[in-house]
């Protein structure tokens, strides 16, 4: 009698355990995981930690072009002048900025003077929480620069104004070389702090 009653009790205990397991809210766990993954991906996209292959995102990359004003040096004065350029559209804001600066590096199509050494490579672009655009250039930006205070001013503000006057969400620009913060580009302009746009250099 004792064995039978104990078996019945054990059976009841097991069935109760099964019922408790079935009541666990798995759907809440799934929702929480989706939110965590989505937040993680958003962080990577926004702050430059993830580059997505063009082939992978063919169906999601906006088609067409964006129009931007690229600022080059005026051959007749110490001012910058704008040259309109069609830039290939991109998936993210940082990619659009990168493509715009790459077009600036290629130089003007008209009679204006190039402000950035053509050997320069844009290595990375990221945007921080304060809407400061950090642009990492190869060492060519400094090593291949012709020098001189006027030329250095033109280089710095052609980059800064090209970014900030085309992308209104951006507030400031910080220049890096090979991932490192710099004190100056060619010995004359203080590059230790982020730059704001300056229209006084524009003709």
C-alpha atoms as a PDB file:
ATOM      1  CA  UNK A   1       0.000   0.000   0.000  1.00  0.00           C
ATOM      2  CA  UNK A   2       2.781   2.354   0.937  1.00  0.00           C
ATOM      3  CA  UNK A   3       4.635   1.853  -2.359  1.00  0.00           C
ATOM      4  CA  UNK A   4       1.518   2.502  -4.448  1.00  0.00           C
ATOM      5  CA  UNK A   5       0.634   5.687  -2.605  1.00  0.00           C
ATOM      6  CA  UNK A   6       4.208   6.995  -2.898  1.00  0.00           C
ATOM      7  CA  UNK A   7       4.229   6.286  -6.654  1.00  0.00           C
ATOM      8  CA  UNK A   8       1.006   8.220  -7.050  1.00  0.00           C
ATOM      9  CA  UNK A   9       2.478  11.143  -5.138  1.00  0.00           C
ATOM     10  CA  UNK A  10       5.607  11.108  -7.318  1.00  0.00           C
ATOM     11  CA  UNK A  11       3.484  11.045 -10.475  1.00  0.00           C
ATOM     12  CA  UNK A  12       1.487  14.027  -9.271  1.00  0.00           C
ATOM     13  CA  UNK A  13       4.700  15.905  -8.456  1.00  0.00           C
ATOM     14  CA  UNK A  14       6.068  15.304 -11.972  1.00  0.00           C
ATOM     15  CA  UNK A  15       2.872  16.480 -13.636  1.00  0.00           C
ATOM     16  CA  UNK A  16       2.905  19.651 -11.555  1.00  0.00           C
ATOM     17  CA  UNK A  17       6.501  20.286 -12.635  1.00  0.00           C
ATOM     18  CA  UNK A  18       5.512  19.921 -16.274  1.00  0.00           C
ATOM     19  CA  UNK A  19       2.650  22.384 -15.873  1.00  0.00           C
ATOM     20  CA  UNK A  20       4.950  24.969 -14.281  1.00  0.00           C
ATOM     21  CA  UNK A  21       7.468  24.569 -17.106  1.00  0.00           C
ATOM     22  CA  UNK A  22       4.760  25.062 -19.715  1.00  0.00           C
ATOM     23  CA  UNK A  23       3.625  28.291 -18.068  1.00  0.00           C
ATOM     24  CA  UNK A  24       7.078  29.966 -18.484  1.00  0.00           C
ATOM     25  CA  UNK A  25       6.578  33.089 -20.692  1.00  0.00           C
ATOM     26  CA  UNK A  26       8.930  32.201 -23.557  1.00  0.00           C
ATOM     27  CA  UNK A  27       7.455  34.934 -25.729  1.00  0.00           C
ATOM     28  CA  UNK A  28       8.772  37.560 -23.282  1.00  0.00           C
ATOM     29  CA  UNK A  29      12.259  36.107 -23.544  1.00  0.00           C
ATOM     30  CA  UNK A  30      12.079  36.171 -27.348  1.00  0.00           C
ATOM     31  CA  UNK A  31      10.934  39.822 -27.360  1.00  0.00           C
ATOM     32  CA  UNK A  32      13.715  40.781 -24.953  1.00  0.00           C
ATOM     33  CA  UNK A  33      16.325  39.092 -27.176  1.00  0.00           C
ATOM     34  CA  UNK A  34      14.989  40.860 -30.279  1.00  0.00           C
ATOM     35  CA  UNK A  35      15.197  44.245 -28.506  1.00  0.00           C
ATOM     36  CA  UNK A  36      18.745  43.575 -27.308  1.00  0.00           C
ATOM     37  CA  UNK A  37      19.926  42.479 -30.766  1.00  0.00           C
ATOM     38  CA  UNK A  38      18.229  45.451 -32.453  1.00  0.00           C
ATOM     39  CA  UNK A  39      19.819  47.876 -29.983  1.00  0.00           C
ATOM     40  CA  UNK A  40      23.239  46.298 -30.491  1.00  0.00           C
ATOM     41  CA  UNK A  41      22.992  46.558 -34.286  1.00  0.00           C
ATOM     42  CA  UNK A  42      21.801  50.182 -34.046  1.00  0.00           C
ATOM     43  CA  UNK A  43      24.828  51.045 -31.913  1.00  0.00           C
ATOM     44  CA  UNK A  44      27.202  49.404 -34.408  1.00  0.00           C
ATOM     45  CA  UNK A  45      25.638  51.120 -37.431  1.00  0.00           C
ATOM     46  CA  UNK A  46      25.581  54.585 -35.805  1.00  0.00           C
ATOM     47  CA  UNK A  47      29.055  54.617 -34.335  1.00  0.00           C
ATOM     48  CA  UNK A  48      31.002  52.931 -37.093  1.00  0.00           C
ATOM     49  CA  UNK A  49      31.583  49.509 -35.619  1.00  0.00           C
ATOM     50  CA  UNK A  50      29.965  47.611 -38.483  1.00  0.00           C
ATOM     51  CA  UNK A  51      30.484  47.893 -42.218  1.00  0.00           C
ATOM     52  CA  UNK A  52      27.957  46.006 -44.303  1.00  0.00           C
ATOM     53  CA  UNK A  53      28.828  44.558 -47.652  1.00  0.00           C
ATOM     54  CA  UNK A  54      27.216  46.221 -50.657  1.00  0.00           C
ATOM     55  CA  UNK A  55      26.237  42.810 -52.015  1.00  0.00           C
ATOM     56  CA  UNK A  56      24.512  41.944 -48.749  1.00  0.00           C
ATOM     57  CA  UNK A  57      22.446  45.113 -48.743  1.00  0.00           C
ATOM     58  CA  UNK A  58      21.686  45.538 -52.444  1.00  0.00           C
ATOM     59  CA  UNK A  59      17.958  45.621 -51.823  1.00  0.00           C
ATOM     60  CA  UNK A  60      18.265  48.187 -49.013  1.00  0.00           C
ATOM     61  CA  UNK A  61      20.776  50.733 -50.327  1.00  0.00           C
ATOM     62  CA  UNK A  62      18.963  53.874 -51.524  1.00  0.00           C
ATOM     63  CA  UNK A  63      19.207  54.286 -55.276  1.00  0.00           C
ATOM     64  CA  UNK A  64      20.182  57.435 -57.089  1.00  0.00           C
ATOM     65  CA  UNK A  65      22.517  60.248 -56.103  1.00  0.00           C
ATOM     66  CA  UNK A  66      22.779  63.084 -53.632  1.00  0.00           C
ATOM     67  CA  UNK A  67      23.987  66.563 -54.535  1.00  0.00           C
ATOM     68  CA  UNK A  68      26.785  68.129 -52.505  1.00  0.00           C
ATOM     69  CA  UNK A  69      28.850  71.302 -52.576  1.00  0.00           C
ATOM     70  CA  UNK A  70      32.562  70.465 -52.528  1.00  0.00           C
ATOM     71  CA  UNK A  71      34.827  73.300 -51.438  1.00  0.00           C
ATOM     72  CA  UNK A  72      38.062  73.881 -53.363  1.00  0.00           C
ATOM     73  CA  UNK A  73      40.547  76.760 -53.395  1.00  0.00           C
ATOM     74  CA  UNK A  74      39.924  79.738 -55.641  1.00  0.00           C
ATOM     75  CA  UNK A  75      42.913  80.312 -57.975  1.00  0.00           C
ATOM     76  CA  UNK A  76      42.422  84.092 -57.789  1.00  0.00           C
ATOM     77  CA  UNK A  77      42.067  84.599 -54.017  1.00  0.00           C
ATOM     78  CA  UNK A  78      42.604  83.041 -50.590  1.00  0.00           C
ATOM     79  CA  UNK A  79      39.041  81.769 -50.419  1.00  0.00           C
ATOM     80  CA  UNK A  80      37.162  78.546 -50.940  1.00  0.00           C
ATOM     81  CA  UNK A  81      34.609  78.163 -53.704  1.00  0.00           C
ATOM     82  CA  UNK A  82      31.853  75.580 -54.038  1.00  0.00           C
ATOM     83  CA  UNK A  83      31.617  73.113 -56.889  1.00  0.00           C
ATOM     84  CA  UNK A  84      28.406  71.100 -57.122  1.00  0.00           C
ATOM     85  CA  UNK A  85      28.899  67.366 -57.435  1.00  0.00           C
ATOM     86  CA  UNK A  86      26.652  64.328 -57.700  1.00  0.00           C
ATOM     87  CA  UNK A  87      27.557  61.743 -55.047  1.00  0.00           C
ATOM     88  CA  UNK A  88      26.424  58.128 -55.109  1.00  0.00           C
ATOM     89  CA  UNK A  89      23.821  57.500 -52.433  1.00  0.00           C
ATOM     90  CA  UNK A  90      24.676  55.233 -49.491  1.00  0.00           C
ATOM     91  CA  UNK A  91      23.046  53.220 -46.725  1.00  0.00           C
ATOM     92  CA  UNK A  92      24.186  55.288 -43.732  1.00  0.00           C
ATOM     93  CA  UNK A  93      25.077  58.886 -42.966  1.00  0.00           C
ATOM     94  CA  UNK A  94      28.710  58.033 -42.282  1.00  0.00           C
ATOM     95  CA  UNK A  95      28.983  56.317 -45.676  1.00  0.00           C
ATOM     96  CA  UNK A  96      27.513  59.378 -47.396  1.00  0.00           C
ATOM     97  CA  UNK A  97      30.058  61.602 -45.655  1.00  0.00           C
ATOM     98  CA  UNK A  98      32.872  59.225 -46.588  1.00  0.00           C
ATOM     99  CA  UNK A  99      31.855  59.223 -50.272  1.00  0.00           C
ATOM    100  CA  UNK A 100      31.580  63.031 -50.263  1.00  0.00           C
ATOM    101  CA  UNK A 101      35.090  63.469 -48.839  1.00  0.00           C
ATOM    102  CA  UNK A 102      36.439  60.914 -51.321  1.00  0.00           C
ATOM    103  CA  UNK A 103      34.993  63.072 -54.111  1.00  0.00           C
ATOM    104  CA  UNK A 104      36.687  66.120 -52.581  1.00  0.00           C
ATOM    105  CA  UNK A 105      40.013  64.260 -52.591  1.00  0.00           C
ATOM    106  CA  UNK A 106      39.629  63.459 -56.310  1.00  0.00           C
ATOM    107  CA  UNK A 107      39.803  67.180 -56.948  1.00  0.00           C
ATOM    108  CA  UNK A 108      37.809  69.755 -58.906  1.00  0.00           C
ATOM    109  CA  UNK A 109      36.416  69.294 -62.384  1.00  0.00           C
ATOM    110  CA  UNK A 110      36.605  73.004 -63.126  1.00  0.00           C
ATOM    111  CA  UNK A 111      39.353  75.609 -62.805  1.00  0.00           C
ATOM    112  CA  UNK A 112      39.581  75.465 -59.016  1.00  0.00           C
ATOM    113  CA  UNK A 113      42.596  74.230 -57.017  1.00  0.00           C
ATOM    114  CA  UNK A 114      42.705  70.922 -55.174  1.00  0.00           C
ATOM    115  CA  UNK A 115      42.947  71.317 -51.392  1.00  0.00           C
ATOM    116  CA  UNK A 116      43.601  67.732 -50.240  1.00  0.00           C
ATOM    117  CA  UNK A 117      46.573  65.665 -51.456  1.00  0.00           C
ATOM    118  CA  UNK A 118      45.196  63.199 -54.060  1.00  0.00           C
ATOM    119  CA  UNK A 119      47.085  60.326 -52.417  1.00  0.00           C
ATOM    120  CA  UNK A 120      44.978  60.708 -49.247  1.00  0.00           C
ATOM    121  CA  UNK A 121      42.678  57.838 -48.262  1.00  0.00           C
ATOM    122  CA  UNK A 122      39.596  58.066 -46.044  1.00  0.00           C
ATOM    123  CA  UNK A 123      40.143  55.166 -43.641  1.00  0.00           C
ATOM    124  CA  UNK A 124      37.074  55.573 -41.450  1.00  0.00           C
ATOM    125  CA  UNK A 125      34.223  57.902 -40.553  1.00  0.00           C
ATOM    126  CA  UNK A 126      32.229  57.773 -37.353  1.00  0.00           C
ATOM    127  CA  UNK A 127      29.694  60.039 -35.641  1.00  0.00           C
ATOM    128  CA  UNK A 128      29.620  60.291 -31.851  1.00  0.00           C
ATOM    129  CA  UNK A 129      26.817  61.130 -29.399  1.00  0.00           C
ATOM    130  CA  UNK A 130      27.525  64.860 -29.710  1.00  0.00           C
ATOM    131  CA  UNK A 131      27.132  64.775 -33.522  1.00  0.00           C
ATOM    132  CA  UNK A 132      30.871  65.260 -33.993  1.00  0.00           C
ATOM    133  CA  UNK A 133      32.123  63.616 -37.198  1.00  0.00           C
ATOM    134  CA  UNK A 134      35.483  61.910 -36.683  1.00  0.00           C
ATOM    135  CA  UNK A 135      37.280  61.426 -40.011  1.00  0.00           C
ATOM    136  CA  UNK A 136      40.328  59.178 -40.057  1.00  0.00           C
ATOM    137  CA  UNK A 137      42.689  59.896 -42.969  1.00  0.00           C
ATOM    138  CA  UNK A 138      45.820  58.085 -44.104  1.00  0.00           C
ATOM    139  CA  UNK A 139      49.192  59.696 -43.318  1.00  0.00           C
ATOM    140  CA  UNK A 140      49.283  61.134 -46.851  1.00  0.00           C
ATOM    141  CA  UNK A 141      47.049  64.011 -45.723  1.00  0.00           C
ATOM    142  CA  UNK A 142      49.965  65.321 -43.666  1.00  0.00           C
ATOM    143  CA  UNK A 143      53.037  63.818 -45.354  1.00  0.00           C
ATOM    144  CA  UNK A 144      52.060  64.914 -48.891  1.00  0.00           C
ATOM    145  CA  UNK A 145      50.752  68.329 -47.891  1.00  0.00           C
ATOM    146  CA  UNK A 146      52.559  71.228 -49.653  1.00  0.00           C
ATOM    147  CA  UNK A 147      52.801  73.213 -46.400  1.00  0.00           C
ATOM    148  CA  UNK A 148      52.253  76.893 -45.682  1.00  0.00           C
ATOM    149  CA  UNK A 149      49.649  78.432 -43.359  1.00  0.00           C
ATOM    150  CA  UNK A 150      47.297  79.552 -46.151  1.00  0.00           C
ATOM    151  CA  UNK A 151      47.371  76.163 -47.851  1.00  0.00           C
ATOM    152  CA  UNK A 152      46.787  74.403 -44.533  1.00  0.00           C
ATOM    153  CA  UNK A 153      43.772  76.597 -43.749  1.00  0.00           C
ATOM    154  CA  UNK A 154      42.320  75.808 -47.170  1.00  0.00           C
ATOM    155  CA  UNK A 155      42.783  72.074 -46.590  1.00  0.00           C
ATOM    156  CA  UNK A 156      41.230  72.037 -43.141  1.00  0.00           C
ATOM    157  CA  UNK A 157      38.225  74.179 -43.973  1.00  0.00           C
ATOM    158  CA  UNK A 158      37.586  72.593 -47.352  1.00  0.00           C
ATOM    159  CA  UNK A 159      37.069  69.324 -45.442  1.00  0.00           C
ATOM    160  CA  UNK A 160      35.191  70.860 -42.513  1.00  0.00           C
ATOM    161  CA  UNK A 161      32.863  73.048 -44.602  1.00  0.00           C
ATOM    162  CA  UNK A 162      32.228  70.252 -47.111  1.00  0.00           C
ATOM    163  CA  UNK A 163      30.999  68.012 -44.298  1.00  0.00           C
ATOM    164  CA  UNK A 164      29.107  70.477 -42.119  1.00  0.00           C
ATOM    165  CA  UNK A 165      27.444  72.556 -44.839  1.00  0.00           C
ATOM    166  CA  UNK A 166      26.170  69.460 -46.649  1.00  0.00           C
ATOM    167  CA  UNK A 167      25.154  67.349 -43.649  1.00  0.00           C
ATOM    168  CA  UNK A 168      23.175  69.603 -41.310  1.00  0.00           C
ATOM    169  CA  UNK A 169      22.867  66.940 -38.586  1.00  0.00           C
ATOM    170  CA  UNK A 170      26.643  67.103 -38.044  1.00  0.00           C
ATOM    171  CA  UNK A 171      27.819  69.825 -35.657  1.00  0.00           C
ATOM    172  CA  UNK A 172      31.626  69.564 -35.706  1.00  0.00           C
ATOM    173  CA  UNK A 173      34.468  67.731 -37.455  1.00  0.00           C
ATOM    174  CA  UNK A 174      37.523  66.127 -35.840  1.00  0.00           C
ATOM    175  CA  UNK A 175      40.500  65.149 -38.001  1.00  0.00           C
ATOM    176  CA  UNK A 176      42.532  62.005 -37.320  1.00  0.00           C
ATOM    177  CA  UNK A 177      45.530  60.506 -39.100  1.00  0.00           C
ATOM    178  CA  UNK A 178      46.003  56.737 -39.060  1.00  0.00           C
ATOM    179  CA  UNK A 179      43.557  56.512 -36.154  1.00  0.00           C
ATOM    180  CA  UNK A 180      45.509  58.986 -34.011  1.00  0.00           C
ATOM    181  CA  UNK A 181      44.523  62.439 -32.771  1.00  0.00           C
ATOM    182  CA  UNK A 182      46.784  65.166 -34.141  1.00  0.00           C
ATOM    183  CA  UNK A 183      47.968  68.545 -32.860  1.00  0.00           C
ATOM    184  CA  UNK A 184      48.408  70.032 -36.335  1.00  0.00           C
ATOM    185  CA  UNK A 185      48.202  69.036 -39.971  1.00  0.00           C
ATOM    186  CA  UNK A 186      51.230  70.859 -41.364  1.00  0.00           C
ATOM    187  CA  UNK A 187      52.511  72.916 -38.445  1.00  0.00           C
ATOM    188  CA  UNK A 188      50.227  75.967 -38.491  1.00  0.00           C
ATOM    189  CA  UNK A 189      46.608  75.115 -37.609  1.00  0.00           C
ATOM    190  CA  UNK A 190      45.622  73.691 -34.212  1.00  0.00           C
ATOM    191  CA  UNK A 191      43.833  70.390 -34.896  1.00  0.00           C
ATOM    192  CA  UNK A 192      43.616  69.218 -31.274  1.00  0.00           C
ATOM    193  CA  UNK A 193      39.931  70.192 -30.994  1.00  0.00           C
ATOM    194  CA  UNK A 194      36.908  69.634 -33.263  1.00  0.00           C
ATOM    195  CA  UNK A 195      36.231  72.278 -35.925  1.00  0.00           C
ATOM    196  CA  UNK A 196      32.966  74.088 -36.621  1.00  0.00           C
ATOM    197  CA  UNK A 197      31.985  75.364 -40.068  1.00  0.00           C
ATOM    198  CA  UNK A 198      33.398  78.764 -41.039  1.00  0.00           C
ATOM    199  CA  UNK A 199      31.731  80.536 -43.947  1.00  0.00           C
ATOM    200  CA  UNK A 200      34.155  83.451 -43.753  1.00  0.00           C
ATOM    201  CA  UNK A 201      36.591  81.374 -45.823  1.00  0.00           C
ATOM    202  CA  UNK A 202      34.021  80.948 -48.606  1.00  0.00           C
ATOM    203  CA  UNK A 203      33.867  83.354 -51.515  1.00  0.00           C
END
